[in-house]
Amino acid sequence: MDIQFLTSFFMWCTIINGGLFLLWAGFFLMAPTFTYNLQNKFIPLPREKYDVIIYSFLGLFKMLFLLFNLVPYVVLLILG
């Protein structure tokens, strides 16, 4: 594996995971009642707990996305 391959790999990982994050965050910010009602059919939770869980997972996903996708991509761009 050379640096060009790794740079390309992390670029696509960043694009795909960033898109998933934006899609996920968009759903919960633009249609919170719809997503709550949809999820409540499968796992009944009070709305307050649901909001805390969703925003915690969004925060965790964002931190992992930055740490494992964006930072390696930027470092490879600097090294390349």
C-alpha atoms as a PDB file:
ATOM      1  CA  MET A   1       0.000   0.000   0.000  1.00  0.00           C
ATOM      2  CA  ASP A   2       1.337   3.370  -0.960  1.00  0.00           C
ATOM      3  CA  ILE A   3       0.404   6.813   0.309  1.00  0.00           C
ATOM      4  CA  GLN A   4      -1.803   7.548  -2.722  1.00  0.00           C
ATOM      5  CA  PHE A   5      -3.939   4.472  -2.065  1.00  0.00           C
ATOM      6  CA  LEU A   6      -4.318   5.330   1.629  1.00  0.00           C
ATOM      7  CA  THR A   7      -5.162   8.936   0.816  1.00  0.00           C
ATOM      8  CA  SER A   8      -7.829   7.803  -1.637  1.00  0.00           C
ATOM      9  CA  PHE A   9      -9.176   5.259   0.857  1.00  0.00           C
ATOM     10  CA  PHE A  10      -9.515   7.799   3.668  1.00  0.00           C
ATOM     11  CA  MET A  11     -10.985  10.371   1.286  1.00  0.00           C
ATOM     12  CA  TRP A  12     -13.818   8.001   0.364  1.00  0.00           C
ATOM     13  CA  CYS A  13     -14.283   6.929   3.995  1.00  0.00           C
ATOM     14  CA  THR A  14     -14.593  10.593   4.957  1.00  0.00           C
ATOM     15  CA  ILE A  15     -17.081  11.332   2.177  1.00  0.00           C
ATOM     16  CA  ILE A  16     -19.279   8.308   2.883  1.00  0.00           C
ATOM     17  CA  ASN A  17     -19.255   8.634   6.684  1.00  0.00           C
ATOM     18  CA  GLY A  18     -19.718  12.407   6.493  1.00  0.00           C
ATOM     19  CA  GLY A  19     -22.728  11.881   4.236  1.00  0.00           C
ATOM     20  CA  LEU A  20     -24.192   9.340   6.634  1.00  0.00           C
ATOM     21  CA  PHE A  21     -23.694  11.726   9.528  1.00  0.00           C
ATOM     22  CA  LEU A  22     -25.368  14.605   7.675  1.00  0.00           C
ATOM     23  CA  LEU A  23     -28.259  12.386   6.629  1.00  0.00           C
ATOM     24  CA  TRP A  24     -28.733  11.047  10.156  1.00  0.00           C
ATOM     25  CA  ALA A  25     -28.467  14.484  11.767  1.00  0.00           C
ATOM     26  CA  GLY A  26     -30.742  15.961   9.123  1.00  0.00           C
ATOM     27  CA  PHE A  27     -33.479  13.449   9.816  1.00  0.00           C
ATOM     28  CA  PHE A  28     -33.389  14.104  13.539  1.00  0.00           C
ATOM     29  CA  LEU A  29     -33.176  17.877  13.203  1.00  0.00           C
ATOM     30  CA  MET A  30     -35.763  18.346  10.434  1.00  0.00           C
ATOM     31  CA  ALA A  31     -38.318  15.694  11.406  1.00  0.00           C
ATOM     32  CA  PRO A  32     -37.856  14.817  15.082  1.00  0.00           C
ATOM     33  CA  THR A  33     -41.475  13.799  15.683  1.00  0.00           C
ATOM     34  CA  PHE A  34     -41.557  11.530  12.642  1.00  0.00           C
ATOM     35  CA  THR A  35     -38.354   9.744  13.643  1.00  0.00           C
ATOM     36  CA  TYR A  36     -39.489   9.432  17.253  1.00  0.00           C
ATOM     37  CA  ASN A  37     -42.829   7.924  16.221  1.00  0.00           C
ATOM     38  CA  LEU A  38     -41.098   5.540  13.821  1.00  0.00           C
ATOM     39  CA  GLN A  39     -38.594   4.336  16.412  1.00  0.00           C
ATOM     40  CA  ASN A  40     -41.201   4.210  19.172  1.00  0.00           C
ATOM     41  CA  LYS A  41     -43.014   1.432  17.301  1.00  0.00           C
ATOM     42  CA  PHE A  42     -39.975  -0.820  17.741  1.00  0.00           C
ATOM     43  CA  ILE A  43     -38.573   0.312  21.085  1.00  0.00           C
ATOM     44  CA  PRO A  44     -40.967   2.270  23.301  1.00  0.00           C
ATOM     45  CA  LEU A  45     -39.092   5.002  25.162  1.00  0.00           C
ATOM     46  CA  PRO A  46     -40.130   8.301  26.705  1.00  0.00           C
ATOM     47  CA  ARG A  47     -39.374  11.261  24.432  1.00  0.00           C
ATOM     48  CA  GLU A  48     -36.808  12.748  26.828  1.00  0.00           C
ATOM     49  CA  LYS A  49     -34.778   9.537  26.995  1.00  0.00           C
ATOM     50  CA  TYR A  50     -35.026   9.128  23.238  1.00  0.00           C
ATOM     51  CA  ASP A  51     -33.643  12.628  22.629  1.00  0.00           C
ATOM     52  CA  VAL A  52     -30.741  12.072  25.022  1.00  0.00           C
ATOM     53  CA  ILE A  53     -29.867   8.736  23.413  1.00  0.00           C
ATOM     54  CA  ILE A  54     -30.049  10.088  19.841  1.00  0.00           C
ATOM     55  CA  TYR A  55     -27.955  13.168  20.547  1.00  0.00           C
ATOM     56  CA  SER A  56     -25.432  11.077  22.484  1.00  0.00           C
ATOM     57  CA  PHE A  57     -25.052   8.715  19.537  1.00  0.00           C
ATOM     58  CA  LEU A  58     -24.754  11.670  17.154  1.00  0.00           C
ATOM     59  CA  GLY A  59     -21.974  13.104  19.312  1.00  0.00           C
ATOM     60  CA  LEU A  60     -20.189   9.772  19.550  1.00  0.00           C
ATOM     61  CA  PHE A  61     -20.452   9.214  15.800  1.00  0.00           C
ATOM     62  CA  LYS A  62     -19.094  12.698  15.138  1.00  0.00           C
ATOM     63  CA  MET A  63     -16.115  12.177  17.442  1.00  0.00           C
ATOM     64  CA  LEU A  64     -15.313   8.779  15.911  1.00  0.00           C
ATOM     65  CA  PHE A  65     -15.756  10.209  12.403  1.00  0.00           C
ATOM     66  CA  LEU A  66     -13.316  13.009  13.130  1.00  0.00           C
ATOM     67  CA  LEU A  67     -10.806  10.762  14.865  1.00  0.00           C
ATOM     68  CA  PHE A  68     -10.780   7.800  12.493  1.00  0.00           C
ATOM     69  CA  ASN A  69     -11.673   9.342   9.120  1.00  0.00           C
ATOM     70  CA  LEU A  70     -11.006  13.046   8.824  1.00  0.00           C
ATOM     71  CA  VAL A  71      -7.784  13.331  10.840  1.00  0.00           C
ATOM     72  CA  PRO A  72      -5.971  10.475   9.005  1.00  0.00           C
ATOM     73  CA  TYR A  73      -7.092  11.935   5.673  1.00  0.00           C
ATOM     74  CA  VAL A  74      -5.750  15.399   6.533  1.00  0.00           C
ATOM     75  CA  VAL A  75      -2.483  13.912   7.813  1.00  0.00           C
ATOM     76  CA  LEU A  76      -2.045  11.927   4.586  1.00  0.00           C
ATOM     77  CA  LEU A  77      -2.728  15.068   2.551  1.00  0.00           C
ATOM     78  CA  ILE A  78      -0.042  16.903   4.533  1.00  0.00           C
ATOM     79  CA  LEU A  79       2.457  14.049   4.121  1.00  0.00           C
ATOM     80  CA  GLY A  80       1.695  13.545   0.421  1.00  0.00           C
END
